[in-house]
């Protein structure tokens, strides 16, 4: 007759977590909470995600260069310079304008005394060719203030007061009317004030 299978003996040291020495069941161990990322919320406490942040519109960005508004006077910038240094000061002002992003075709440079070397060079090819360059407005245009009535408006006009009080007295008001946004005058401040009036 076959023997019934023996029940395996369970040693006390091999008893699982459900039994204690007193024979009472032990509580089931729980996982220890660890660090959680925002992507894995605590179980049972899932909250709806907050609505996506919309960019708040701010004030419009200021323009790099103020343009003339409704036909008013352009902004006036005075660069103090003696008559024999006015042309150099005008060249420096031009370089700064171009470096700041001003297009060459937006700038007109007038001299009240000796012509700018560029104007003298271009006039050597004839008046028609010279004035045609003004109309194309692809580059800085240099002119003698004696011919200020022939120049057309540009956003920026630079005037070098390098001589000729009579020419300057007539040219400055016209230059102001030709400047769309900015009039830069390089010369003696007292002389400029006298020529343009107390509104300077």
C-alpha atoms as a PDB file:
ATOM      1  CA  UNK A   1       0.000   0.000   0.000  1.00  0.00           C
ATOM      2  CA  UNK A   2       1.431   3.286  -0.993  1.00  0.00           C
ATOM      3  CA  UNK A   3       2.455   5.687   1.698  1.00  0.00           C
ATOM      4  CA  UNK A   4       0.703   9.004   1.845  1.00  0.00           C
ATOM      5  CA  UNK A   5       2.939  11.845   0.824  1.00  0.00           C
ATOM      6  CA  UNK A   6       4.465  13.582   3.760  1.00  0.00           C
ATOM      7  CA  UNK A   7       3.716  17.202   4.341  1.00  0.00           C
ATOM      8  CA  UNK A   8       6.795  19.255   4.033  1.00  0.00           C
ATOM      9  CA  UNK A   9       7.930  20.813   7.207  1.00  0.00           C
ATOM     10  CA  UNK A  10       8.109  24.528   7.340  1.00  0.00           C
ATOM     11  CA  UNK A  11      10.916  25.894   9.370  1.00  0.00           C
ATOM     12  CA  UNK A  12      10.309  28.966  11.465  1.00  0.00           C
ATOM     13  CA  UNK A  13      13.037  30.932   9.695  1.00  0.00           C
ATOM     14  CA  UNK A  14      11.418  30.344   6.307  1.00  0.00           C
ATOM     15  CA  UNK A  15       8.040  31.649   7.260  1.00  0.00           C
ATOM     16  CA  UNK A  16       6.872  34.486   5.108  1.00  0.00           C
ATOM     17  CA  UNK A  17       5.776  37.935   6.072  1.00  0.00           C
ATOM     18  CA  UNK A  18       2.259  36.812   6.797  1.00  0.00           C
ATOM     19  CA  UNK A  19       3.229  35.100  10.053  1.00  0.00           C
ATOM     20  CA  UNK A  20       4.969  36.338  13.152  1.00  0.00           C
ATOM     21  CA  UNK A  21       6.490  34.537  16.055  1.00  0.00           C
ATOM     22  CA  UNK A  22       3.239  34.905  17.971  1.00  0.00           C
ATOM     23  CA  UNK A  23       1.304  33.506  15.059  1.00  0.00           C
ATOM     24  CA  UNK A  24      -0.371  36.761  14.132  1.00  0.00           C
ATOM     25  CA  UNK A  25      -0.402  37.885  10.544  1.00  0.00           C
ATOM     26  CA  UNK A  26       2.056  40.684   9.777  1.00  0.00           C
ATOM     27  CA  UNK A  27       0.975  43.663   7.740  1.00  0.00           C
ATOM     28  CA  UNK A  28       1.798  43.529   4.059  1.00  0.00           C
ATOM     29  CA  UNK A  29       4.803  45.748   3.380  1.00  0.00           C
ATOM     30  CA  UNK A  30       4.084  48.846   1.347  1.00  0.00           C
ATOM     31  CA  UNK A  31       6.400  50.404  -1.170  1.00  0.00           C
ATOM     32  CA  UNK A  32       8.397  53.299   0.172  1.00  0.00           C
ATOM     33  CA  UNK A  33       7.543  56.504  -1.688  1.00  0.00           C
ATOM     34  CA  UNK A  34      10.470  57.840  -3.645  1.00  0.00           C
ATOM     35  CA  UNK A  35      11.074  60.960  -5.633  1.00  0.00           C
ATOM     36  CA  UNK A  36       8.532  61.577  -8.356  1.00  0.00           C
ATOM     37  CA  UNK A  37       8.864  63.605 -11.479  1.00  0.00           C
ATOM     38  CA  UNK A  38       6.122  65.931 -12.574  1.00  0.00           C
ATOM     39  CA  UNK A  39       5.373  63.431 -15.327  1.00  0.00           C
ATOM     40  CA  UNK A  40       4.417  60.701 -12.815  1.00  0.00           C
ATOM     41  CA  UNK A  41       1.867  62.150 -10.402  1.00  0.00           C
ATOM     42  CA  UNK A  42       1.016  60.450  -7.142  1.00  0.00           C
ATOM     43  CA  UNK A  43      -1.405  57.565  -7.774  1.00  0.00           C
ATOM     44  CA  UNK A  44      -4.990  58.543  -7.167  1.00  0.00           C
ATOM     45  CA  UNK A  45      -4.202  62.251  -7.095  1.00  0.00           C
ATOM     46  CA  UNK A  46      -4.051  62.951 -10.790  1.00  0.00           C
ATOM     47  CA  UNK A  47      -5.086  66.510 -11.492  1.00  0.00           C
ATOM     48  CA  UNK A  48      -5.887  67.955 -14.864  1.00  0.00           C
ATOM     49  CA  UNK A  49      -2.906  69.716 -16.380  1.00  0.00           C
ATOM     50  CA  UNK A  50      -3.012  73.517 -16.148  1.00  0.00           C
ATOM     51  CA  UNK A  51      -3.904  75.274 -19.383  1.00  0.00           C
ATOM     52  CA  UNK A  52      -0.970  76.156 -21.595  1.00  0.00           C
ATOM     53  CA  UNK A  53       0.402  79.619 -20.948  1.00  0.00           C
ATOM     54  CA  UNK A  54      -0.318  82.055 -23.729  1.00  0.00           C
ATOM     55  CA  UNK A  55       2.208  84.775 -24.444  1.00  0.00           C
ATOM     56  CA  UNK A  56       1.003  88.096 -23.134  1.00  0.00           C
ATOM     57  CA  UNK A  57       1.269  90.750 -25.826  1.00  0.00           C
ATOM     58  CA  UNK A  58       3.450  93.628 -24.719  1.00  0.00           C
ATOM     59  CA  UNK A  59       3.773  97.119 -26.078  1.00  0.00           C
ATOM     60  CA  UNK A  60       4.926  97.301 -29.681  1.00  0.00           C
ATOM     61  CA  UNK A  61       8.683  97.367 -30.131  1.00  0.00           C
ATOM     62  CA  UNK A  62       9.987 100.870 -30.741  1.00  0.00           C
ATOM     63  CA  UNK A  63      11.136 101.645 -34.238  1.00  0.00           C
ATOM     64  CA  UNK A  64      14.855 102.022 -34.709  1.00  0.00           C
ATOM     65  CA  UNK A  65      14.410 105.341 -36.371  1.00  0.00           C
ATOM     66  CA  UNK A  66      11.637 107.834 -35.859  1.00  0.00           C
ATOM     67  CA  UNK A  67       9.914 108.789 -39.070  1.00  0.00           C
ATOM     68  CA  UNK A  68       8.308 112.141 -39.622  1.00  0.00           C
ATOM     69  CA  UNK A  69       4.755 112.245 -38.427  1.00  0.00           C
ATOM     70  CA  UNK A  70       2.109 114.183 -40.333  1.00  0.00           C
ATOM     71  CA  UNK A  71       4.474 116.673 -41.911  1.00  0.00           C
ATOM     72  CA  UNK A  72       5.893 118.055 -38.644  1.00  0.00           C
ATOM     73  CA  UNK A  73       9.467 119.161 -38.150  1.00  0.00           C
ATOM     74  CA  UNK A  74      12.105 116.423 -38.199  1.00  0.00           C
ATOM     75  CA  UNK A  75      14.158 115.623 -35.136  1.00  0.00           C
ATOM     76  CA  UNK A  76      17.178 117.940 -34.983  1.00  0.00           C
ATOM     77  CA  UNK A  77      20.594 116.707 -33.900  1.00  0.00           C
ATOM     78  CA  UNK A  78      23.375 119.240 -33.547  1.00  0.00           C
ATOM     79  CA  UNK A  79      27.006 118.134 -33.679  1.00  0.00           C
ATOM     80  CA  UNK A  80      29.342 120.923 -32.549  1.00  0.00           C
ATOM     81  CA  UNK A  81      32.210 121.405 -34.977  1.00  0.00           C
ATOM     82  CA  UNK A  82      34.329 124.286 -36.283  1.00  0.00           C
ATOM     83  CA  UNK A  83      33.861 125.244 -39.916  1.00  0.00           C
ATOM     84  CA  UNK A  84      37.080 123.463 -40.946  1.00  0.00           C
ATOM     85  CA  UNK A  85      35.981 120.284 -39.104  1.00  0.00           C
ATOM     86  CA  UNK A  86      32.303 120.262 -40.109  1.00  0.00           C
ATOM     87  CA  UNK A  87      32.825 117.991 -43.114  1.00  0.00           C
ATOM     88  CA  UNK A  88      34.710 115.435 -40.991  1.00  0.00           C
ATOM     89  CA  UNK A  89      31.944 115.567 -38.381  1.00  0.00           C
ATOM     90  CA  UNK A  90      29.361 114.995 -41.124  1.00  0.00           C
ATOM     91  CA  UNK A  91      31.333 111.962 -42.352  1.00  0.00           C
ATOM     92  CA  UNK A  92      31.399 110.527 -38.812  1.00  0.00           C
ATOM     93  CA  UNK A  93      27.659 111.113 -38.405  1.00  0.00           C
ATOM     94  CA  UNK A  94      27.047 109.378 -41.729  1.00  0.00           C
ATOM     95  CA  UNK A  95      29.145 106.375 -40.686  1.00  0.00           C
ATOM     96  CA  UNK A  96      27.208 106.072 -37.417  1.00  0.00           C
ATOM     97  CA  UNK A  97      23.881 106.215 -39.235  1.00  0.00           C
ATOM     98  CA  UNK A  98      24.914 103.554 -41.723  1.00  0.00           C
ATOM     99  CA  UNK A  99      26.341 101.355 -38.947  1.00  0.00           C
ATOM    100  CA  UNK A 100      23.044 101.624 -37.068  1.00  0.00           C
ATOM    101  CA  UNK A 101      21.163 100.199 -40.049  1.00  0.00           C
ATOM    102  CA  UNK A 102      20.141 103.264 -41.999  1.00  0.00           C
ATOM    103  CA  UNK A 103      20.030 102.532 -45.719  1.00  0.00           C
ATOM    104  CA  UNK A 104      22.479 104.640 -47.785  1.00  0.00           C
ATOM    105  CA  UNK A 105      19.648 105.691 -50.099  1.00  0.00           C
ATOM    106  CA  UNK A 106      17.884 107.374 -47.168  1.00  0.00           C
ATOM    107  CA  UNK A 107      20.632 109.932 -46.546  1.00  0.00           C
ATOM    108  CA  UNK A 108      21.401 113.290 -48.154  1.00  0.00           C
ATOM    109  CA  UNK A 109      24.577 115.198 -47.211  1.00  0.00           C
ATOM    110  CA  UNK A 110      24.775 118.936 -47.908  1.00  0.00           C
ATOM    111  CA  UNK A 111      27.827 121.158 -47.628  1.00  0.00           C
ATOM    112  CA  UNK A 112      27.606 124.946 -47.303  1.00  0.00           C
ATOM    113  CA  UNK A 113      31.191 125.629 -48.328  1.00  0.00           C
ATOM    114  CA  UNK A 114      33.558 123.473 -50.352  1.00  0.00           C
ATOM    115  CA  UNK A 115      31.897 120.514 -52.102  1.00  0.00           C
ATOM    116  CA  UNK A 116      32.240 117.023 -50.729  1.00  0.00           C
ATOM    117  CA  UNK A 117      34.931 115.153 -52.728  1.00  0.00           C
ATOM    118  CA  UNK A 118      32.366 112.579 -53.887  1.00  0.00           C
ATOM    119  CA  UNK A 119      30.101 115.296 -55.335  1.00  0.00           C
ATOM    120  CA  UNK A 120      33.058 116.949 -57.094  1.00  0.00           C
ATOM    121  CA  UNK A 121      34.086 113.588 -58.571  1.00  0.00           C
ATOM    122  CA  UNK A 122      30.578 112.696 -59.777  1.00  0.00           C
ATOM    123  CA  UNK A 123      30.008 116.130 -61.285  1.00  0.00           C
ATOM    124  CA  UNK A 124      33.074 115.558 -63.448  1.00  0.00           C
ATOM    125  CA  UNK A 125      30.939 113.066 -65.432  1.00  0.00           C
ATOM    126  CA  UNK A 126      28.293 115.694 -66.139  1.00  0.00           C
ATOM    127  CA  UNK A 127      25.294 117.231 -64.389  1.00  0.00           C
ATOM    128  CA  UNK A 128      22.728 114.852 -65.908  1.00  0.00           C
ATOM    129  CA  UNK A 129      24.555 111.764 -64.650  1.00  0.00           C
ATOM    130  CA  UNK A 130      25.101 113.359 -61.250  1.00  0.00           C
ATOM    131  CA  UNK A 131      21.444 114.306 -60.648  1.00  0.00           C
ATOM    132  CA  UNK A 132      20.230 110.962 -62.004  1.00  0.00           C
ATOM    133  CA  UNK A 133      21.956 109.320 -59.040  1.00  0.00           C
ATOM    134  CA  UNK A 134      19.746 111.334 -56.710  1.00  0.00           C
ATOM    135  CA  UNK A 135      16.646 109.981 -58.439  1.00  0.00           C
ATOM    136  CA  UNK A 136      17.704 106.332 -58.143  1.00  0.00           C
ATOM    137  CA  UNK A 137      18.195 106.776 -54.357  1.00  0.00           C
ATOM    138  CA  UNK A 138      20.476 103.745 -54.173  1.00  0.00           C
ATOM    139  CA  UNK A 139      23.283 105.480 -52.323  1.00  0.00           C
ATOM    140  CA  UNK A 140      24.073 108.467 -50.131  1.00  0.00           C
ATOM    141  CA  UNK A 141      23.713 111.627 -52.187  1.00  0.00           C
ATOM    142  CA  UNK A 142      26.156 114.507 -51.613  1.00  0.00           C
ATOM    143  CA  UNK A 143      25.213 117.975 -52.799  1.00  0.00           C
ATOM    144  CA  UNK A 144      26.340 121.563 -52.493  1.00  0.00           C
ATOM    145  CA  UNK A 145      23.893 123.604 -50.406  1.00  0.00           C
ATOM    146  CA  UNK A 146      23.937 126.263 -53.145  1.00  0.00           C
ATOM    147  CA  UNK A 147      21.805 123.830 -55.185  1.00  0.00           C
ATOM    148  CA  UNK A 148      19.552 122.890 -52.256  1.00  0.00           C
ATOM    149  CA  UNK A 149      16.434 123.728 -54.275  1.00  0.00           C
ATOM    150  CA  UNK A 150      17.193 120.805 -56.602  1.00  0.00           C
ATOM    151  CA  UNK A 151      17.541 118.147 -53.904  1.00  0.00           C
ATOM    152  CA  UNK A 152      14.631 115.880 -53.113  1.00  0.00           C
ATOM    153  CA  UNK A 153      13.435 114.814 -49.684  1.00  0.00           C
ATOM    154  CA  UNK A 154      15.104 111.937 -47.855  1.00  0.00           C
ATOM    155  CA  UNK A 155      14.492 110.555 -44.369  1.00  0.00           C
ATOM    156  CA  UNK A 156      17.842 111.910 -43.119  1.00  0.00           C
ATOM    157  CA  UNK A 157      19.605 115.123 -44.127  1.00  0.00           C
ATOM    158  CA  UNK A 158      23.093 115.926 -42.834  1.00  0.00           C
ATOM    159  CA  UNK A 159      24.339 119.498 -43.243  1.00  0.00           C
ATOM    160  CA  UNK A 160      28.021 120.364 -42.869  1.00  0.00           C
ATOM    161  CA  UNK A 161      28.398 124.079 -42.098  1.00  0.00           C
ATOM    162  CA  UNK A 162      31.858 124.257 -43.617  1.00  0.00           C
ATOM    163  CA  UNK A 163      31.586 127.853 -44.872  1.00  0.00           C
ATOM    164  CA  UNK A 164      29.326 130.334 -46.570  1.00  0.00           C
ATOM    165  CA  UNK A 165      27.021 132.075 -44.075  1.00  0.00           C
ATOM    166  CA  UNK A 166      24.734 133.361 -46.826  1.00  0.00           C
ATOM    167  CA  UNK A 167      24.423 129.890 -48.359  1.00  0.00           C
ATOM    168  CA  UNK A 168      23.870 128.318 -44.938  1.00  0.00           C
ATOM    169  CA  UNK A 169      21.179 130.847 -44.026  1.00  0.00           C
ATOM    170  CA  UNK A 170      19.235 129.906 -47.140  1.00  0.00           C
ATOM    171  CA  UNK A 171      20.042 126.190 -47.086  1.00  0.00           C
ATOM    172  CA  UNK A 172      19.242 125.239 -43.483  1.00  0.00           C
ATOM    173  CA  UNK A 173      15.481 125.961 -43.608  1.00  0.00           C
ATOM    174  CA  UNK A 174      15.227 124.122 -46.942  1.00  0.00           C
ATOM    175  CA  UNK A 175      17.278 121.217 -45.549  1.00  0.00           C
ATOM    176  CA  UNK A 176      14.886 121.039 -42.604  1.00  0.00           C
ATOM    177  CA  UNK A 177      11.941 120.823 -45.006  1.00  0.00           C
ATOM    178  CA  UNK A 178      13.682 118.051 -47.013  1.00  0.00           C
ATOM    179  CA  UNK A 179      14.459 115.919 -43.924  1.00  0.00           C
ATOM    180  CA  UNK A 180      11.694 113.395 -43.362  1.00  0.00           C
ATOM    181  CA  UNK A 181      12.781 112.181 -39.922  1.00  0.00           C
ATOM    182  CA  UNK A 182      16.164 113.536 -38.881  1.00  0.00           C
ATOM    183  CA  UNK A 183      18.175 116.677 -39.592  1.00  0.00           C
ATOM    184  CA  UNK A 184      21.811 116.493 -38.461  1.00  0.00           C
ATOM    185  CA  UNK A 185      23.684 119.796 -38.490  1.00  0.00           C
ATOM    186  CA  UNK A 186      27.457 119.816 -38.009  1.00  0.00           C
ATOM    187  CA  UNK A 187      28.749 123.243 -37.082  1.00  0.00           C
ATOM    188  CA  UNK A 188      28.957 125.966 -34.473  1.00  0.00           C
ATOM    189  CA  UNK A 189      25.885 125.682 -32.177  1.00  0.00           C
ATOM    190  CA  UNK A 190      25.460 129.473 -31.850  1.00  0.00           C
ATOM    191  CA  UNK A 191      25.595 129.842 -35.604  1.00  0.00           C
ATOM    192  CA  UNK A 192      23.034 127.057 -36.073  1.00  0.00           C
ATOM    193  CA  UNK A 193      20.684 128.651 -33.529  1.00  0.00           C
ATOM    194  CA  UNK A 194      20.999 131.999 -35.254  1.00  0.00           C
ATOM    195  CA  UNK A 195      20.340 130.486 -38.685  1.00  0.00           C
ATOM    196  CA  UNK A 196      17.445 128.221 -37.712  1.00  0.00           C
ATOM    197  CA  UNK A 197      15.865 130.534 -35.171  1.00  0.00           C
ATOM    198  CA  UNK A 198      14.921 130.194 -31.527  1.00  0.00           C
ATOM    199  CA  UNK A 199      12.952 126.988 -32.218  1.00  0.00           C
ATOM    200  CA  UNK A 200      16.148 124.950 -32.298  1.00  0.00           C
END
